[in-house]
Protein backbone atom coordinates (compact mmCIF):
# COMPACT_ATOMS: atom_id res chain seq x y z
CA MET A 1 40.86 3.80 -5.56
CA THR A 2 41.91 3.69 -1.91
CA TRP A 3 38.33 4.67 -1.00
CA ILE A 4 36.55 1.85 -3.21
CA PHE A 5 39.20 -0.55 -1.52
CA LEU A 6 38.08 0.78 2.13
CA SER A 7 34.60 0.55 1.83
CA ILE A 8 34.98 -3.31 0.13
CA ILE A 9 36.65 -3.84 3.36
CA ILE A 10 34.81 -2.41 5.72
CA GLY A 11 30.94 -3.65 4.10
CA GLY A 12 32.54 -7.65 3.82
CA VAL A 13 33.61 -7.63 7.23
CA ILE A 14 30.42 -6.57 8.54
CA SER A 15 28.77 -8.29 6.89
CA LEU A 16 30.47 -11.70 7.24
CA LEU A 17 31.03 -10.97 11.18
CA THR A 18 27.75 -9.91 12.15
CA THR A 19 25.20 -12.48 9.75
CA PRO A 20 25.76 -15.35 12.28
CA LEU A 21 24.56 -13.14 15.20
CA PHE A 22 21.57 -12.34 13.29
CA ILE A 23 21.52 -16.28 12.07
CA LYS A 24 21.76 -17.14 16.13
CA PHE A 25 18.99 -14.08 16.95
CA GLN A 26 16.32 -15.25 15.34
CA LYS A 27 17.00 -19.21 15.95
CA ASN A 28 16.31 -17.71 19.89
CA LYS A 29 13.46 -16.45 18.50
CA LYS A 30 11.91 -19.74 16.55
CA ILE A 31 11.87 -17.48 13.45
CA GLY A 32 11.70 -19.19 9.57
CA GLU A 33 11.27 -18.93 6.42
CA LYS A 34 8.17 -20.40 5.18
CA ILE A 35 8.68 -21.98 2.32
CA ARG A 36 5.93 -21.78 -0.90
CA ILE A 37 4.15 -25.41 -1.27
CA ASP A 38 4.06 -24.93 -4.98
CA GLY A 39 7.93 -24.65 -5.25
CA PRO A 40 10.18 -27.88 -5.73
CA LYS A 41 9.34 -30.23 -3.40
CA THR A 42 13.08 -30.88 -2.42
CA HIS A 43 13.02 -27.23 -0.98
CA SER A 44 10.72 -28.56 1.98
CA VAL A 45 13.91 -29.18 4.08
CA LYS A 46 14.48 -25.54 3.71
CA THR A 47 11.27 -24.20 6.05
CA GLY A 48 11.99 -22.59 9.12
CA THR A 49 15.64 -21.07 8.00
CA PRO A 50 16.02 -17.78 9.30
CA THR A 51 15.18 -15.09 6.70
CA MET A 52 15.28 -11.05 6.20
CA GLY A 53 19.09 -11.39 5.94
CA GLY A 54 19.30 -8.24 3.65
CA ILE A 55 18.75 -6.07 6.63
CA ILE A 56 22.69 -7.35 7.68
CA PHE A 57 24.33 -6.20 4.39
CA VAL A 58 21.96 -3.31 3.63
CA LEU A 59 23.08 -1.68 7.03
CA SER A 60 26.83 -2.96 6.11
CA SER A 61 26.95 -1.03 2.81
CA ILE A 62 25.29 1.65 4.46
CA THR A 63 27.55 1.85 7.13
CA ALA A 64 30.43 1.72 5.02
CA PHE A 65 29.63 4.76 2.95
CA ILE A 66 29.09 6.75 5.77
CA ILE A 67 32.62 5.96 7.12
CA VAL A 68 34.05 6.70 4.09
CA SER A 69 32.17 9.83 3.20
CA LEU A 70 33.31 10.79 6.95
CA ILE A 71 36.98 9.91 6.72
CA LYS A 72 37.03 12.12 3.42
CA TYR A 73 35.52 14.68 4.19
CA TYR A 74 37.03 15.49 7.88
CA ARG A 75 40.61 13.38 7.16
CA TRP A 76 41.31 14.78 3.44
CA ASP A 77 38.58 17.73 2.64
CA GLU A 78 37.16 15.52 -0.18
CA VAL A 79 33.91 16.80 -0.77
CA TYR A 80 31.07 13.76 -1.07
CA SER A 81 28.31 14.09 -3.63
CA ILE A 82 24.81 13.93 -3.46
CA GLU A 83 24.57 11.42 -6.09
CA GLY A 84 26.11 8.50 -3.72
CA ILE A 85 23.36 9.59 -0.59
CA PHE A 86 20.66 9.18 -3.27
CA VAL A 87 21.76 5.52 -4.98
CA LEU A 88 22.00 4.72 -1.18
CA SER A 89 18.27 5.84 -0.15
CA ILE A 90 17.20 3.81 -2.97
CA LEU A 91 18.67 0.73 -1.62
CA LEU A 92 17.17 2.29 1.66
CA LEU A 93 14.23 2.19 0.61
CA CYS A 94 13.48 -0.39 -1.59
CA SER A 95 14.79 -2.66 0.99
CA LEU A 96 12.26 -0.79 3.19
CA ILE A 97 9.64 -2.14 0.69
CA GLY A 98 11.01 -5.65 1.32
CA PHE A 99 11.10 -5.56 4.69
CA ILE A 100 7.34 -4.62 5.18
CA ASP A 101 6.92 -7.88 2.49
CA ASP A 102 8.97 -10.27 4.77
CA TYR A 103 7.68 -8.86 7.54
CA MET A 104 3.94 -9.46 6.85
CA ALA A 105 5.03 -13.36 5.57
CA LEU A 106 6.28 -13.91 9.24
CA LYS A 107 3.73 -12.72 11.12
CA LYS A 108 1.41 -14.34 8.74
CA GLN A 109 3.15 -17.60 8.87
CA ARG A 110 2.40 -17.77 5.11
CA SER A 111 5.40 -17.32 2.26
CA LEU A 112 3.95 -14.57 0.90
CA GLY A 113 3.18 -11.13 2.26
CA ILE A 114 2.01 -7.92 0.90
CA ARG A 115 -0.09 -8.39 -2.21
CA GLY A 116 1.42 -8.26 -5.51
CA TRP A 117 -0.04 -4.77 -6.44
CA VAL A 118 0.71 -2.90 -2.69
CA LYS A 119 4.14 -4.06 -3.69
CA ILE A 120 3.80 -2.34 -7.20
CA SER A 121 1.94 0.80 -5.87
CA LEU A 122 4.83 1.24 -2.93
CA LEU A 123 7.62 1.00 -5.75
CA ALA A 124 5.84 3.10 -7.65
CA ILE A 125 6.08 5.84 -4.98
CA VAL A 126 9.95 5.25 -4.89
CA CYS A 127 9.70 5.65 -8.72
CA LEU A 128 8.12 9.24 -8.01
CA TYR A 129 10.50 10.33 -5.16
CA PHE A 130 13.54 9.16 -7.93
CA ILE A 131 12.00 11.26 -10.42
CA LEU A 132 11.61 14.29 -8.39
CA PHE A 133 15.44 13.99 -7.05
CA TYR A 134 16.53 13.02 -10.26
CA GLU A 135 14.75 16.29 -12.22
CA TYR A 136 14.83 19.02 -9.66
CA ILE A 137 17.82 18.16 -7.20
CA LEU A 138 20.45 16.65 -9.51
CA LYS A 139 19.35 18.44 -12.39
CA ALA A 140 20.37 15.37 -14.52
CA SER A 141 20.47 14.56 -18.30
CA THR A 142 17.29 12.73 -19.46
CA CYS A 143 19.42 11.58 -23.00
CA ILE A 144 19.96 8.05 -23.14
CA GLY A 145 23.30 6.60 -25.23
CA ILE A 146 23.16 4.20 -27.67
CA PRO A 147 25.71 1.37 -27.23
CA PHE A 148 28.49 1.03 -29.63
CA THR A 149 28.20 4.54 -30.75
CA ASP A 150 28.27 7.98 -29.85
CA ILE A 151 24.88 9.19 -30.24
CA LYS A 152 22.81 10.42 -27.63
CA VAL A 153 19.01 10.94 -27.59
CA GLU A 154 17.54 13.44 -25.76
CA LEU A 155 14.34 11.95 -24.42
CA GLY A 156 12.69 14.88 -22.23
CA ASN A 157 10.13 14.03 -19.98
CA TRP A 158 9.45 10.89 -22.06
CA TYR A 159 13.00 9.61 -20.12
CA TYR A 160 11.06 9.22 -16.94
CA ILE A 161 8.83 6.04 -18.47
CA ILE A 162 12.20 4.58 -19.06
CA VAL A 163 13.43 5.63 -15.38
CA VAL A 164 10.27 3.75 -14.19
CA LEU A 165 10.51 0.58 -16.22
CA ILE A 166 14.19 -0.06 -15.20
CA ILE A 167 13.31 -0.21 -11.50
CA ILE A 168 9.99 -2.02 -11.69
CA SER A 169 11.89 -4.25 -13.64
CA THR A 170 15.08 -4.61 -12.33
CA THR A 171 13.49 -5.11 -8.50
CA ASN A 172 11.27 -7.72 -9.67
CA ALA A 173 14.00 -9.56 -11.84
CA VAL A 174 16.83 -9.69 -8.97
CA ASN A 175 13.75 -10.79 -6.18
CA LEU A 176 12.53 -13.57 -9.12
CA THR A 177 16.43 -14.38 -9.09
CA ASP A 178 16.61 -15.08 -5.71
CA GLY A 179 15.07 -18.64 -5.43
CA LEU A 180 17.84 -20.73 -4.78
CA ASP A 181 20.42 -20.75 -2.07
CA GLY A 182 23.08 -17.83 -3.19
CA LEU A 183 21.85 -17.41 -6.56
CA ALA A 184 20.67 -13.70 -6.12
CA ALA A 185 23.89 -12.88 -4.02
CA GLY A 186 26.29 -14.20 -6.04
CA THR A 187 24.54 -13.07 -9.28
CA SER A 188 24.20 -9.23 -7.96
CA SER A 189 27.70 -8.65 -6.64
CA ILE A 190 29.20 -9.80 -10.13
CA VAL A 191 26.68 -7.23 -11.22
CA LEU A 192 27.83 -4.85 -8.98
CA ALA A 193 31.53 -5.01 -9.33
CA VAL A 194 31.24 -4.62 -13.42
CA PHE A 195 29.56 -1.20 -12.48
CA CYS A 196 31.69 -0.69 -9.23
CA PHE A 197 34.45 -0.56 -11.99
CA ILE A 198 32.54 1.45 -14.85
CA ALA A 199 31.78 4.27 -11.98
CA PHE A 200 35.74 4.19 -11.02
CA LEU A 201 36.79 4.56 -14.90
CA GLU A 202 33.96 7.36 -15.34
CA TRP A 203 35.19 9.00 -12.91
CA SER A 204 39.57 8.67 -13.23
CA ILE A 205 38.93 9.42 -16.98
CA PHE A 206 36.21 11.12 -17.58
CA GLY A 207 36.31 13.24 -14.64
CA VAL A 208 32.75 12.44 -13.40
CA SER A 209 32.72 13.88 -9.89
CA TYR A 210 30.26 11.51 -8.42
CA GLY A 211 31.54 8.71 -10.35
CA ILE A 212 33.54 7.73 -6.96
CA ASP A 213 31.00 7.83 -4.98
CA ILE A 214 28.99 5.36 -6.87
CA ALA A 215 32.13 3.18 -6.86
CA VAL A 216 32.23 3.67 -3.55
CA VAL A 217 28.34 2.20 -2.70
CA SER A 218 28.61 -0.74 -5.06
CA GLY A 219 31.69 -1.72 -3.87
CA GLY A 220 30.53 -2.01 -0.69
CA THR A 221 27.29 -3.31 -1.20
CA LEU A 222 29.05 -6.21 -3.28
CA ALA A 223 31.38 -7.17 -0.55
CA ALA A 224 28.59 -7.21 1.97
CA CYS A 225 26.97 -9.62 -0.60
CA ILE A 226 29.91 -11.94 -0.51
CA GLY A 227 30.37 -11.37 3.12
CA PHE A 228 26.68 -12.79 3.68
CA LEU A 229 26.88 -15.22 1.04
CA TRP A 230 29.20 -17.34 3.32
CA TRP A 231 25.98 -18.07 5.30
CA ASN A 232 23.74 -17.98 2.33
CA THR A 233 25.57 -21.02 -0.07
CA ALA A 234 24.05 -24.07 -0.35
CA PRO A 235 22.90 -25.00 1.91
CA ALA A 236 22.33 -21.95 3.15
CA GLU A 237 22.20 -20.61 6.82
CA ILE A 238 19.81 -17.95 6.10
CA PHE A 239 17.79 -16.45 3.16
CA MET A 240 18.19 -12.68 2.14
CA GLY A 241 14.66 -12.26 1.62
CA ASP A 242 12.72 -9.51 -0.38
CA THR A 243 14.63 -7.20 2.51
CA GLY A 244 17.68 -7.99 0.41
CA SER A 245 16.65 -8.60 -3.43
CA LEU A 246 14.45 -5.42 -3.57
CA GLY A 247 17.16 -3.58 -2.06
CA LEU A 248 19.72 -4.94 -4.26
CA GLY A 249 17.53 -4.59 -7.43
CA GLY A 250 16.63 -1.30 -6.65
CA LEU A 251 20.38 -0.35 -6.05
CA VAL A 252 21.54 -1.83 -9.45
CA ALA A 253 18.59 0.24 -11.34
CA ALA A 254 20.16 3.61 -9.69
CA VAL A 255 23.52 3.14 -10.21
CA ALA A 256 22.77 2.07 -13.90
CA ILE A 257 20.60 5.33 -14.61
CA ILE A 258 22.69 7.57 -12.50
CA LEU A 259 26.04 6.30 -14.43
CA LYS A 260 23.63 7.14 -17.73
CA GLN A 261 24.29 2.78 -18.90
CA GLU A 262 20.00 2.20 -18.66
CA ILE A 263 20.63 0.39 -22.34
CA LEU A 264 23.78 -1.41 -21.34
CA LEU A 265 21.77 -2.60 -17.73
CA ILE A 266 20.19 -5.03 -20.12
CA VAL A 267 23.00 -6.91 -21.48
CA ILE A 268 25.46 -6.73 -17.72
CA GLY A 269 22.07 -7.98 -15.89
CA GLY A 270 21.03 -10.65 -18.98
CA LEU A 271 20.99 -13.11 -16.20
CA PHE A 272 17.91 -11.35 -14.54
CA VAL A 273 16.44 -10.35 -17.81
CA ILE A 274 15.81 -14.51 -18.32
CA GLU A 275 14.71 -15.26 -15.50
CA THR A 276 12.38 -12.41 -15.83
CA LEU A 277 11.14 -13.69 -19.61
CA SER A 278 10.92 -17.11 -18.41
CA VAL A 279 8.08 -16.30 -15.78
CA ILE A 280 6.39 -13.85 -18.48
CA ILE A 281 6.24 -16.41 -20.91
CA GLN A 282 5.09 -19.37 -18.98
CA VAL A 283 2.42 -17.37 -17.44
CA PHE A 284 1.80 -16.14 -21.20
CA TRP A 285 1.86 -19.78 -22.79
CA PHE A 286 -0.38 -21.10 -20.46
CA LYS A 287 -3.34 -18.34 -20.51
CA VAL A 288 -3.19 -18.48 -24.15
CA PHE A 289 -2.35 -22.30 -25.17
CA LYS A 290 -2.97 -24.24 -21.36
CA LYS A 291 0.66 -25.55 -21.82
CA ARG A 292 3.87 -24.82 -19.97
CA VAL A 293 6.79 -23.77 -21.55
CA PHE A 294 9.20 -25.18 -18.55
CA LYS A 295 8.72 -27.66 -16.00
CA MET A 296 8.41 -24.41 -13.63
CA ALA A 297 8.92 -21.04 -13.70
CA PRO A 298 11.29 -18.97 -12.79
CA ILE A 299 13.68 -20.46 -15.52
CA HIS A 300 16.19 -22.12 -12.24
CA HIS A 301 13.29 -24.28 -11.16
CA HIS A 302 13.16 -25.99 -14.46
CA PHE A 303 16.63 -27.05 -14.56
CA GLU A 304 16.20 -28.27 -10.69
CA LEU A 305 13.38 -30.31 -12.18
CA LEU A 306 15.56 -31.65 -14.88
CA GLY A 307 17.25 -33.30 -12.18
CA TRP A 308 20.32 -30.74 -11.97
CA LEU A 309 21.44 -30.64 -8.11
CA GLU A 310 21.03 -27.47 -6.92
CA ILE A 311 24.56 -26.26 -6.43
CA LYS A 312 25.04 -27.34 -9.86
CA VAL A 313 22.13 -24.64 -11.17
CA ILE A 314 23.66 -22.08 -8.86
CA ILE A 315 27.20 -22.12 -10.16
CA ARG A 316 26.22 -22.24 -13.56
CA PHE A 317 24.30 -19.98 -13.44
CA TRP A 318 26.94 -17.83 -12.13
CA LEU A 319 28.52 -18.35 -14.89
CA VAL A 320 26.30 -16.91 -17.52
CA CYS A 321 26.37 -14.13 -14.97
CA VAL A 322 29.96 -13.42 -15.57
CA LEU A 323 29.28 -13.75 -19.38
CA PHE A 324 26.80 -11.52 -19.50
CA ALA A 325 28.65 -8.84 -17.26
CA GLY A 326 31.74 -9.37 -19.25
CA VAL A 327 30.16 -8.75 -22.75
CA GLY A 328 28.35 -6.15 -21.64
CA PHE A 329 31.51 -4.47 -19.88
CA PHE A 330 33.27 -4.55 -22.95
CA ILE A 331 30.85 -2.88 -25.28
CA TYR A 332 31.63 -0.48 -22.41
CA TYR A 333 35.10 -0.09 -22.73
CA LEU A 334 34.70 0.46 -26.50
CA LYS A 335 34.35 3.96 -26.11
CA PHE A 336 37.92 4.13 -25.27
CA ILE A 337 39.33 2.40 -28.04
CA ASP A 338 39.54 5.01 -30.92
């Protein structure tokens, strides 16, 4: 538990203190976000807001993990696990894809960076890396547990289809959620907090050796998100950009898979599922019936156009996220009840 708290403190403090320096740097260089012209008109005032804040909390998380691992190894002779480094590498790689997207958008002075098919192709490469590492380095299980039961279904190589779906869908889901000030940072912190606790329980009760390192990574990242959130709350002084949202999505997906909570991710990250479904439903319904189900998708924009204040949408979506995360953890906790 000490290592988790240390990671939380380091990640949170670094993120909190370095984010304003990054904001000042971008303002001096006149670097700012271009707002989508097809978004809510009220968002036009956000044009020019510093972006790519994900760089700060990703580096804060990595720094926290490195410092904790070095202290564990050299001071207490505790061995760090390869799994912790692995999930951190997924965070870094997905963030790199987001950074490329953000950089291209800034360079071309538009709201969109790289094309969608390019982004998916790069994520597919990350999926391939994940599968090869999982199969040949970790030699991890390809079974999947069924919630509410002790049943584990062995899927063999079919399991990797689920891995690809989880990584691509989760990264894009968090990216879609990142449409209001502080929404993605807040909801991701909530989801990571639950997975941090699950990882700790897996380590302390079930003896999963790498559980403590997964908890350290999750704890450091959620604290870094909260430190960033101090500057990202409405009205935001900086946006996380795809650098942050894709990185967070990749980390959440990787942690869920490594902890063998693939199905439970759907519940814990229920808000991300709703955001994604709203886009799918909107696109499908418009193409088939030439009508819109929502005033605008993702669904958080729908409530904005209904007249809700942005801050009200954000806080209520945080509450919904807490509800889903709480239910998900309760389902997990049922395994401790005889």
